[in-house]
Amino acid sequence: MENISDIMFGLRNPERAVKTLRFFKMHKADEFLGITMPVTREVVKAHWKATSFEELESCIASRYHEVRMAALLMLVQHYKHASHVDMKEQCVDFYLAHTAHIDNWDLVDVSCYEILGDWLLDKPRGLLYDLAHKGKTIWEQRIGMVSTMALVRAGECDDTYNIADVFLEKPTPLHDLLQKAAGWLLREAGKCDGNRLRTWLEVRRTTMPRTMLRYAIEKFSDEERKHFLGR
């Protein structure tokens, strides 16, 4: 069977790759094939069952962004369809062992809560706090926050609020991409209990980074947004 890297390379679109590089300006050193997300998902759908962990190991280390994306989406499928807990744990261990290659916001957001967040639904969540507080990169720190999406969807919002506080306690200015992640997850938590979100924000609104606050209150009324954005 043709390997995934070769399949993806055969679908490259150099013109689109240039545009994609401009969009992902965070990593100008990253390389793109110019493959859209729907096309990548079609490749994953057709080939994930036959893709071994050895091939995933190669793909996730690829210099091409879309090949790394395909590897992560395949890992998500292996996790979701695992027939026993040991197989799920293997997926989680693989994920955590390769965070150095999960190096952009989209790679984080399509994978972390599907694997790590789901895995921790019935387990202690200290790992998420460690990642958020002491992650070696902003991507590991973002994994700590965005993984709580699985918990929020299960109606458990405590960790989202607590990790947002971890971010707010950082001694250096919070990176824009961490602000956006925290604000997004707070907004999602607010869907479970809007009053809790409003109360939490009321205490912190004058000290929260502006971007984080704007993302958190995005669905509020105009009047409420003006209130929370007032200093």
Protein backbone atom coordinates (compact mmCIF):
# COMPACT_ATOMS: atom_id res chain seq x y z
CA MET A 1 0.00 0.00 0.00
CA GLU A 2 1.21 3.50 -0.84
CA ASN A 3 2.26 5.31 2.32
CA ILE A 4 0.36 8.29 3.64
CA SER A 5 3.15 10.79 3.00
CA ASP A 6 3.25 9.83 -0.68
CA ILE A 7 -0.54 10.01 -0.96
CA MET A 8 -0.59 13.47 0.57
CA PHE A 9 2.33 14.68 -1.54
CA GLY A 10 0.45 13.56 -4.64
CA LEU A 11 -2.41 15.88 -3.67
CA ARG A 12 -0.25 18.97 -3.22
CA ASN A 13 -1.34 22.34 -4.57
CA PRO A 14 1.64 24.74 -4.65
CA GLU A 15 -0.49 27.83 -5.26
CA ARG A 16 -2.73 27.09 -2.28
CA ALA A 17 0.35 26.25 -0.20
CA VAL A 18 1.60 29.83 -0.55
CA LYS A 19 -1.73 31.21 0.65
CA THR A 20 -1.85 28.74 3.54
CA LEU A 21 1.61 29.80 4.68
CA ARG A 22 0.39 33.40 4.91
CA PHE A 23 -2.58 32.26 7.03
CA PHE A 24 -0.39 30.30 9.43
CA LYS A 25 2.02 33.18 9.93
CA MET A 26 2.89 31.90 13.41
CA HIS A 27 5.33 29.40 11.88
CA LYS A 28 6.96 30.80 8.77
CA ALA A 29 9.43 27.89 8.87
CA ASP A 30 6.58 25.38 8.53
CA GLU A 31 6.06 23.83 5.10
CA PHE A 32 2.69 23.27 3.46
CA LEU A 33 1.42 21.12 0.62
CA GLY A 34 -1.65 23.26 0.01
CA ILE A 35 -4.17 20.51 0.82
CA THR A 36 -7.55 21.56 2.21
CA MET A 37 -8.92 20.10 5.42
CA PRO A 38 -11.81 18.27 3.67
CA VAL A 39 -9.34 16.54 1.35
CA THR A 40 -7.11 15.61 4.29
CA ARG A 41 -10.12 14.13 6.10
CA GLU A 42 -10.99 12.06 3.02
CA VAL A 43 -7.48 10.59 3.01
CA VAL A 44 -7.82 9.80 6.72
CA LYS A 45 -11.23 8.20 6.23
CA ALA A 46 -9.93 5.97 3.46
CA HIS A 47 -6.66 4.87 5.07
CA TRP A 48 -6.64 5.13 8.87
CA LYS A 49 -7.59 1.49 9.48
CA ALA A 50 -4.61 0.23 7.51
CA THR A 51 -2.14 2.75 8.95
CA SER A 52 0.19 1.35 11.60
CA PHE A 53 1.69 3.20 14.53
CA GLU A 54 5.06 2.87 12.81
CA GLU A 55 3.74 4.88 9.87
CA LEU A 56 2.07 7.37 12.20
CA GLU A 57 5.48 7.82 13.83
CA SER A 58 6.91 8.82 10.47
CA CYS A 59 3.99 11.02 9.44
CA ILE A 60 3.76 13.01 12.66
CA ALA A 61 7.42 13.96 12.27
CA SER A 62 6.91 15.14 8.68
CA ARG A 63 8.10 18.60 7.70
CA TYR A 64 4.74 19.09 5.97
CA HIS A 65 1.95 20.49 8.10
CA GLU A 66 -0.83 18.57 6.36
CA VAL A 67 0.93 15.23 6.81
CA ARG A 68 1.22 15.89 10.54
CA MET A 69 -2.47 16.82 10.53
CA ALA A 70 -3.37 13.55 8.80
CA ALA A 71 -1.34 11.59 11.36
CA LEU A 72 -3.18 13.25 14.25
CA LEU A 73 -6.59 12.71 12.68
CA MET A 74 -5.74 9.06 12.15
CA LEU A 75 -4.62 8.77 15.75
CA VAL A 76 -8.00 10.19 16.80
CA GLN A 77 -9.72 7.48 14.76
CA HIS A 78 -7.56 4.75 16.29
CA TYR A 79 -8.47 6.08 19.73
CA LYS A 80 -12.20 6.34 19.03
CA HIS A 81 -12.41 2.84 17.56
CA ALA A 82 -10.12 1.13 20.07
CA SER A 83 -11.69 -2.11 21.22
CA HIS A 84 -10.05 -2.15 24.65
CA VAL A 85 -8.60 0.30 27.15
CA ASP A 86 -4.98 -0.74 26.50
CA MET A 87 -5.30 0.38 22.89
CA LYS A 88 -6.72 3.74 24.01
CA GLU A 89 -3.84 4.14 26.43
CA GLN A 90 -1.39 3.40 23.63
CA CYS A 91 -2.92 6.26 21.63
CA VAL A 92 -2.67 8.62 24.61
CA ASP A 93 0.96 7.65 25.25
CA PHE A 94 1.77 8.17 21.57
CA TYR A 95 0.12 11.58 21.64
CA LEU A 96 2.01 12.75 24.72
CA ALA A 97 5.30 11.43 23.36
CA HIS A 98 4.96 13.52 20.20
CA THR A 99 3.79 16.93 21.44
CA ALA A 100 6.94 18.45 19.92
CA HIS A 101 5.36 17.86 16.51
CA ILE A 102 1.92 19.19 17.53
CA ASP A 103 3.17 22.67 16.87
CA ASN A 104 0.35 24.86 15.66
CA TRP A 105 -3.08 25.80 16.95
CA ASP A 106 -5.05 23.73 14.43
CA LEU A 107 -3.03 20.59 15.16
CA VAL A 108 -3.77 21.05 18.86
CA ASP A 109 -7.44 21.82 18.44
CA VAL A 110 -8.41 18.85 16.23
CA SER A 111 -6.73 16.28 18.44
CA CYS A 112 -6.20 17.07 22.13
CA TYR A 113 -9.72 16.92 23.54
CA GLU A 114 -10.66 14.00 21.27
CA ILE A 115 -7.83 11.93 22.77
CA LEU A 116 -6.41 13.38 25.97
CA GLY A 117 -9.58 15.11 27.16
CA ASP A 118 -11.71 12.05 26.57
CA TRP A 119 -9.16 9.79 28.29
CA LEU A 120 -9.26 11.92 31.43
CA LEU A 121 -13.05 11.98 31.78
CA ASP A 122 -12.89 9.34 34.51
CA LYS A 123 -9.36 10.08 35.77
CA PRO A 124 -7.47 12.76 37.74
CA ARG A 125 -6.72 15.79 35.56
CA GLY A 126 -3.39 16.87 37.05
CA LEU A 127 -1.69 16.33 33.69
CA LEU A 128 -3.74 19.15 32.15
CA TYR A 129 -2.66 21.54 34.90
CA ASP A 130 0.97 20.53 34.43
CA LEU A 131 0.75 21.17 30.70
CA ALA A 132 -1.02 24.52 31.16
CA HIS A 133 1.40 25.71 33.83
CA LYS A 134 4.71 24.15 32.85
CA GLY A 135 4.31 23.14 29.20
CA LYS A 136 7.58 23.62 27.32
CA THR A 137 5.82 25.40 24.45
CA ILE A 138 2.67 27.46 24.02
CA TRP A 139 1.26 24.44 22.15
CA GLU A 140 1.62 22.16 25.17
CA GLN A 141 0.06 24.89 27.29
CA ARG A 142 -2.80 25.21 24.80
CA ILE A 143 -3.29 21.42 24.94
CA GLY A 144 -3.81 21.76 28.70
CA MET A 145 -6.69 24.18 28.16
CA VAL A 146 -8.33 22.92 24.97
CA SER A 147 -8.41 19.33 26.27
CA THR A 148 -11.02 20.50 28.77
CA MET A 149 -13.51 20.72 25.89
CA ALA A 150 -14.27 17.02 26.42
CA LEU A 151 -14.97 17.73 30.09
CA VAL A 152 -17.17 20.74 29.33
CA ARG A 153 -19.20 18.67 26.89
CA ALA A 154 -19.72 16.17 29.70
CA GLY A 155 -21.00 18.99 31.91
CA GLU A 156 -17.80 19.31 33.98
CA CYS A 157 -16.51 22.88 33.85
CA ASP A 158 -14.37 23.22 36.98
CA ASP A 159 -11.11 22.41 35.21
CA THR A 160 -11.74 24.98 32.48
CA TYR A 161 -12.15 27.75 35.05
CA ASN A 162 -9.23 26.52 37.12
CA ILE A 163 -6.86 26.32 34.16
CA ALA A 164 -7.98 29.78 33.03
CA ASP A 165 -6.85 30.95 36.46
CA VAL A 166 -3.53 29.15 35.94
CA PHE A 167 -3.09 31.18 32.76
CA LEU A 168 -3.99 34.43 34.54
CA GLU A 169 -1.38 33.74 37.22
CA LYS A 170 1.49 33.45 34.73
CA PRO A 171 4.19 36.04 35.52
CA THR A 172 4.71 37.02 31.88
CA PRO A 173 2.11 38.38 29.43
CA LEU A 174 -0.16 35.61 28.18
CA HIS A 175 0.44 34.72 24.53
CA ASP A 176 -2.37 35.75 22.18
CA LEU A 177 -3.05 32.13 21.17
CA LEU A 178 -3.41 31.11 24.80
CA GLN A 179 -5.74 34.03 25.45
CA LYS A 180 -7.93 32.94 22.54
CA ALA A 181 -7.98 29.32 23.71
CA ALA A 182 -8.92 30.28 27.26
CA GLY A 183 -11.62 32.69 26.12
CA TRP A 184 -13.05 30.10 23.74
CA LEU A 185 -13.25 27.43 26.43
CA LEU A 186 -14.74 29.85 28.97
CA ARG A 187 -17.40 30.71 26.41
CA GLU A 188 -18.14 27.00 25.99
CA ALA A 189 -18.31 26.56 29.76
CA GLY A 190 -20.79 29.41 29.87
CA LYS A 191 -23.18 27.36 27.77
CA CYS A 192 -23.49 24.99 30.74
CA ASP A 193 -24.05 27.74 33.30
CA GLY A 194 -24.13 31.32 32.09
CA ASN A 195 -24.44 32.78 35.58
CA ARG A 196 -21.29 31.01 36.71
CA LEU A 197 -19.36 32.47 33.80
CA ARG A 198 -20.69 35.97 34.49
CA THR A 199 -19.78 35.72 38.17
CA TRP A 200 -16.28 34.43 37.34
CA LEU A 201 -15.71 37.20 34.82
CA GLU A 202 -17.03 39.93 37.12
CA VAL A 203 -14.21 39.28 39.57
CA ARG A 204 -11.52 39.22 36.89
CA ARG A 205 -12.72 41.52 34.13
CA THR A 206 -10.47 44.45 35.03
CA THR A 207 -7.31 42.34 35.06
CA MET A 208 -7.97 39.80 32.29
CA PRO A 209 -6.09 40.18 29.00
CA ARG A 210 -8.38 41.93 26.52
CA THR A 211 -8.39 39.19 23.88
CA MET A 212 -9.23 36.48 26.39
CA LEU A 213 -12.12 38.55 27.73
CA ARG A 214 -13.47 39.37 24.27
CA TYR A 215 -13.53 35.69 23.30
CA ALA A 216 -15.26 34.73 26.57
CA ILE A 217 -18.10 37.27 26.16
CA GLU A 218 -18.57 36.89 22.42
CA LYS A 219 -22.14 35.56 22.77
CA PHE A 220 -23.24 38.08 25.38
CA SER A 221 -25.65 40.89 24.57
CA ASP A 222 -24.27 44.24 23.41
CA GLU A 223 -25.09 45.74 26.79
CA GLU A 224 -23.28 42.99 28.69
CA ARG A 225 -20.23 43.19 26.44
CA LYS A 226 -19.98 46.93 27.05
CA HIS A 227 -20.18 46.30 30.78
CA PHE A 228 -17.46 43.67 30.87
CA LEU A 229 -15.18 45.58 28.53
CA GLY A 230 -15.55 48.76 30.60
CA ARG A 231 -12.58 49.50 32.84
